[in-house]
Amino acid sequence: MDYETILTVQGYAKFFITFFVTAVFISYGYSLYKRDRTGERDFERYTDIVHNDSFDSAPLESIDKEEIKKEKLV
C-alpha cells in the first residue's frame, strides 16, 4: 500500500469517526431534551447538587426496592 492510499484511508476514517461521534452527541442531547419535555425526568433538580452538596441533604429521587428486584430478575 503506498503512502497516498494510506492518507486517503486515514482521511475517510477521520471523517466517519467524526460523523459518528457527532451523531452520538446530538442523539444524546436530543434524548435529554425529550425526557425533560415529557416530564420523565427533571434535570433542573440535578443542578441543585452543586449548590446543596452536604451529607445531610435529602436525596433527589427515592429508590423503589421492589422495582430494583424486578429489574434484576429480567
N, C-alpha and C. Protein backbone atom coordinates (compact mmCIF):
# COMPACT_ATOMS: atom_id res chain seq x y z
N MET A 1 0.85 -1.17 0.00
CA MET A 1 0.00 0.00 0.00
C MET A 1 0.90 1.24 0.00
N ASP A 2 0.69 2.13 -0.92
CA ASP A 2 1.54 3.30 -1.00
C ASP A 2 1.04 4.39 -0.04
N TYR A 3 1.84 5.43 0.09
CA TYR A 3 1.61 6.49 1.06
C TYR A 3 0.31 7.24 0.80
N GLU A 4 0.00 7.52 -0.45
CA GLU A 4 -1.22 8.26 -0.78
C GLU A 4 -2.47 7.46 -0.42
N THR A 5 -2.46 6.17 -0.61
CA THR A 5 -3.59 5.33 -0.25
C THR A 5 -3.82 5.32 1.26
N ILE A 6 -2.71 5.27 2.01
CA ILE A 6 -2.81 5.30 3.47
C ILE A 6 -3.42 6.62 3.92
N LEU A 7 -2.98 7.72 3.32
CA LEU A 7 -3.53 9.03 3.68
C LEU A 7 -5.01 9.14 3.31
N THR A 8 -5.39 8.57 2.20
CA THR A 8 -6.78 8.60 1.78
C THR A 8 -7.66 7.79 2.76
N VAL A 9 -7.20 6.60 3.11
CA VAL A 9 -7.95 5.77 4.07
C VAL A 9 -8.02 6.47 5.42
N GLN A 10 -6.94 7.09 5.83
CA GLN A 10 -6.91 7.81 7.09
C GLN A 10 -7.89 8.99 7.07
N GLY A 11 -7.96 9.69 5.97
CA GLY A 11 -8.90 10.81 5.85
C GLY A 11 -10.35 10.36 5.93
N TYR A 12 -10.68 9.27 5.23
CA TYR A 12 -12.04 8.74 5.30
C TYR A 12 -12.37 8.25 6.71
N ALA A 13 -11.40 7.61 7.35
CA ALA A 13 -11.62 7.11 8.71
C ALA A 13 -11.89 8.27 9.67
N LYS A 14 -11.12 9.34 9.57
CA LYS A 14 -11.35 10.51 10.43
C LYS A 14 -12.71 11.12 10.18
N PHE A 15 -13.12 11.19 8.92
CA PHE A 15 -14.43 11.74 8.60
C PHE A 15 -15.55 10.92 9.22
N PHE A 16 -15.50 9.59 9.05
CA PHE A 16 -16.57 8.74 9.56
C PHE A 16 -16.57 8.67 11.08
N ILE A 17 -15.41 8.69 11.70
CA ILE A 17 -15.35 8.72 13.16
C ILE A 17 -15.92 10.03 13.69
N THR A 18 -15.56 11.14 13.06
CA THR A 18 -16.10 12.44 13.47
C THR A 18 -17.61 12.48 13.27
N PHE A 19 -18.09 11.95 12.16
CA PHE A 19 -19.52 11.90 11.90
C PHE A 19 -20.24 11.05 12.95
N PHE A 20 -19.68 9.90 13.29
CA PHE A 20 -20.28 9.01 14.27
C PHE A 20 -20.34 9.66 15.65
N VAL A 21 -19.23 10.26 16.08
CA VAL A 21 -19.20 10.90 17.40
C VAL A 21 -20.18 12.06 17.45
N THR A 22 -20.27 12.84 16.38
CA THR A 22 -21.22 13.95 16.33
C THR A 22 -22.65 13.43 16.40
N ALA A 23 -22.95 12.36 15.69
CA ALA A 23 -24.30 11.78 15.73
C ALA A 23 -24.64 11.27 17.13
N VAL A 24 -23.67 10.67 17.82
CA VAL A 24 -23.91 10.19 19.18
C VAL A 24 -24.20 11.36 20.11
N PHE A 25 -23.42 12.42 20.04
CA PHE A 25 -23.64 13.57 20.91
C PHE A 25 -24.98 14.25 20.63
N ILE A 26 -25.34 14.37 19.37
CA ILE A 26 -26.62 15.00 19.03
C ILE A 26 -27.78 14.14 19.51
N SER A 27 -27.69 12.82 19.34
CA SER A 27 -28.77 11.95 19.81
C SER A 27 -28.86 11.96 21.33
N TYR A 28 -27.75 12.04 22.03
CA TYR A 28 -27.77 12.13 23.49
C TYR A 28 -28.42 13.43 23.94
N GLY A 29 -28.06 14.53 23.30
CA GLY A 29 -28.68 15.81 23.63
C GLY A 29 -30.16 15.81 23.36
N TYR A 30 -30.57 15.20 22.26
CA TYR A 30 -32.00 15.12 21.95
C TYR A 30 -32.74 14.26 22.96
N SER A 31 -32.11 13.16 23.42
CA SER A 31 -32.78 12.32 24.41
C SER A 31 -32.94 13.06 25.73
N LEU A 32 -31.94 13.86 26.11
CA LEU A 32 -32.08 14.68 27.32
C LEU A 32 -33.21 15.69 27.16
N TYR A 33 -33.27 16.34 26.01
CA TYR A 33 -34.32 17.32 25.74
C TYR A 33 -35.69 16.66 25.76
N LYS A 34 -35.80 15.48 25.14
CA LYS A 34 -37.08 14.78 25.06
C LYS A 34 -37.56 14.35 26.45
N ARG A 35 -36.65 13.80 27.26
CA ARG A 35 -37.03 13.37 28.60
C ARG A 35 -37.41 14.55 29.48
N ASP A 36 -36.77 15.68 29.28
CA ASP A 36 -37.11 16.87 30.05
C ASP A 36 -38.47 17.43 29.63
N ARG A 37 -38.75 17.43 28.33
CA ARG A 37 -40.03 17.95 27.84
C ARG A 37 -41.21 17.08 28.22
N THR A 38 -41.04 15.76 28.20
CA THR A 38 -42.14 14.87 28.53
C THR A 38 -42.36 14.75 30.03
N GLY A 39 -41.45 15.26 30.83
CA GLY A 39 -41.59 15.20 32.28
C GLY A 39 -41.10 13.90 32.88
N GLU A 40 -40.44 13.08 32.10
CA GLU A 40 -39.92 11.82 32.61
C GLU A 40 -38.87 12.08 33.69
N ARG A 41 -38.04 13.08 33.48
CA ARG A 41 -37.01 13.42 34.45
C ARG A 41 -36.79 14.92 34.40
N ASP A 42 -36.62 15.51 35.58
CA ASP A 42 -36.41 16.95 35.68
C ASP A 42 -34.93 17.21 35.95
N PHE A 43 -34.22 17.62 34.92
CA PHE A 43 -32.78 17.82 35.06
C PHE A 43 -32.42 19.11 35.79
N GLU A 44 -33.38 20.00 35.96
CA GLU A 44 -33.13 21.23 36.71
C GLU A 44 -32.82 20.90 38.18
N ARG A 45 -33.40 19.84 38.69
CA ARG A 45 -33.14 19.47 40.09
C ARG A 45 -31.69 19.05 40.27
N TYR A 46 -31.10 18.47 39.26
CA TYR A 46 -29.73 18.00 39.38
C TYR A 46 -28.73 19.15 39.48
N THR A 47 -29.11 20.31 39.04
CA THR A 47 -28.21 21.46 39.18
C THR A 47 -28.11 21.90 40.63
N ASP A 48 -29.08 21.53 41.45
CA ASP A 48 -29.02 21.88 42.86
C ASP A 48 -27.95 21.09 43.60
N ILE A 49 -27.47 20.01 43.02
CA ILE A 49 -26.43 19.22 43.66
C ILE A 49 -25.18 20.07 43.88
N VAL A 50 -24.89 20.93 42.97
CA VAL A 50 -23.70 21.77 43.07
C VAL A 50 -23.84 22.75 44.23
N HIS A 51 -25.02 23.30 44.41
CA HIS A 51 -25.22 24.30 45.46
C HIS A 51 -25.53 23.68 46.81
N ASN A 52 -26.12 22.52 46.83
CA ASN A 52 -26.52 21.88 48.07
C ASN A 52 -25.78 20.55 48.20
N ASP A 53 -24.49 20.64 48.41
CA ASP A 53 -23.66 19.45 48.46
C ASP A 53 -23.21 19.20 49.90
N SER A 54 -24.12 18.66 50.68
CA SER A 54 -23.78 18.31 52.06
C SER A 54 -24.23 16.89 52.33
N PHE A 55 -23.70 16.34 53.38
CA PHE A 55 -24.03 14.96 53.74
C PHE A 55 -25.46 14.85 54.22
N ASP A 56 -26.00 15.91 54.79
CA ASP A 56 -27.34 15.88 55.36
C ASP A 56 -28.43 16.23 54.36
N SER A 57 -28.10 16.54 53.13
CA SER A 57 -29.12 16.93 52.16
C SER A 57 -29.97 15.73 51.76
N ALA A 58 -31.20 16.02 51.40
CA ALA A 58 -32.15 14.96 51.03
C ALA A 58 -31.81 14.42 49.64
N PRO A 59 -32.08 13.13 49.40
CA PRO A 59 -31.83 12.58 48.06
C PRO A 59 -32.79 13.17 47.03
N LEU A 60 -32.34 13.23 45.79
CA LEU A 60 -33.17 13.81 44.73
C LEU A 60 -34.30 12.88 44.33
N GLU A 61 -34.03 11.60 44.28
CA GLU A 61 -35.03 10.62 43.87
C GLU A 61 -35.07 9.48 44.88
N SER A 62 -36.26 8.98 45.13
CA SER A 62 -36.38 7.83 46.01
C SER A 62 -36.15 6.55 45.20
N ILE A 63 -35.65 5.55 45.88
CA ILE A 63 -35.37 4.28 45.22
C ILE A 63 -36.43 3.28 45.64
N ASP A 64 -37.10 2.69 44.68
CA ASP A 64 -38.11 1.68 44.94
C ASP A 64 -37.42 0.32 44.91
N LYS A 65 -37.33 -0.32 46.08
CA LYS A 65 -36.59 -1.58 46.18
C LYS A 65 -37.26 -2.70 45.40
N GLU A 66 -38.58 -2.71 45.32
CA GLU A 66 -39.26 -3.75 44.56
C GLU A 66 -38.99 -3.61 43.07
N GLU A 67 -38.90 -2.39 42.60
CA GLU A 67 -38.61 -2.16 41.18
C GLU A 67 -37.20 -2.62 40.84
N ILE A 68 -36.27 -2.43 41.76
CA ILE A 68 -34.90 -2.87 41.54
C ILE A 68 -34.84 -4.40 41.48
N LYS A 69 -35.61 -5.06 42.34
CA LYS A 69 -35.64 -6.52 42.32
C LYS A 69 -36.22 -7.03 41.00
N LYS A 70 -37.26 -6.36 40.48
CA LYS A 70 -37.84 -6.76 39.21
C LYS A 70 -36.85 -6.61 38.07
N GLU A 71 -36.06 -5.52 38.10
CA GLU A 71 -35.07 -5.28 37.05
C GLU A 71 -33.97 -6.34 37.10
N LYS A 72 -33.62 -6.79 38.29
CA LYS A 72 -32.57 -7.80 38.40
C LYS A 72 -33.05 -9.15 37.90
N LEU A 73 -34.35 -9.42 38.05
CA LEU A 73 -34.89 -10.69 37.59
C LEU A 73 -35.03 -10.75 36.08
N VAL A 74 -35.18 -9.60 35.44
CA VAL A 74 -35.38 -9.56 34.00
C VAL A 74 -34.10 -9.66 33.26
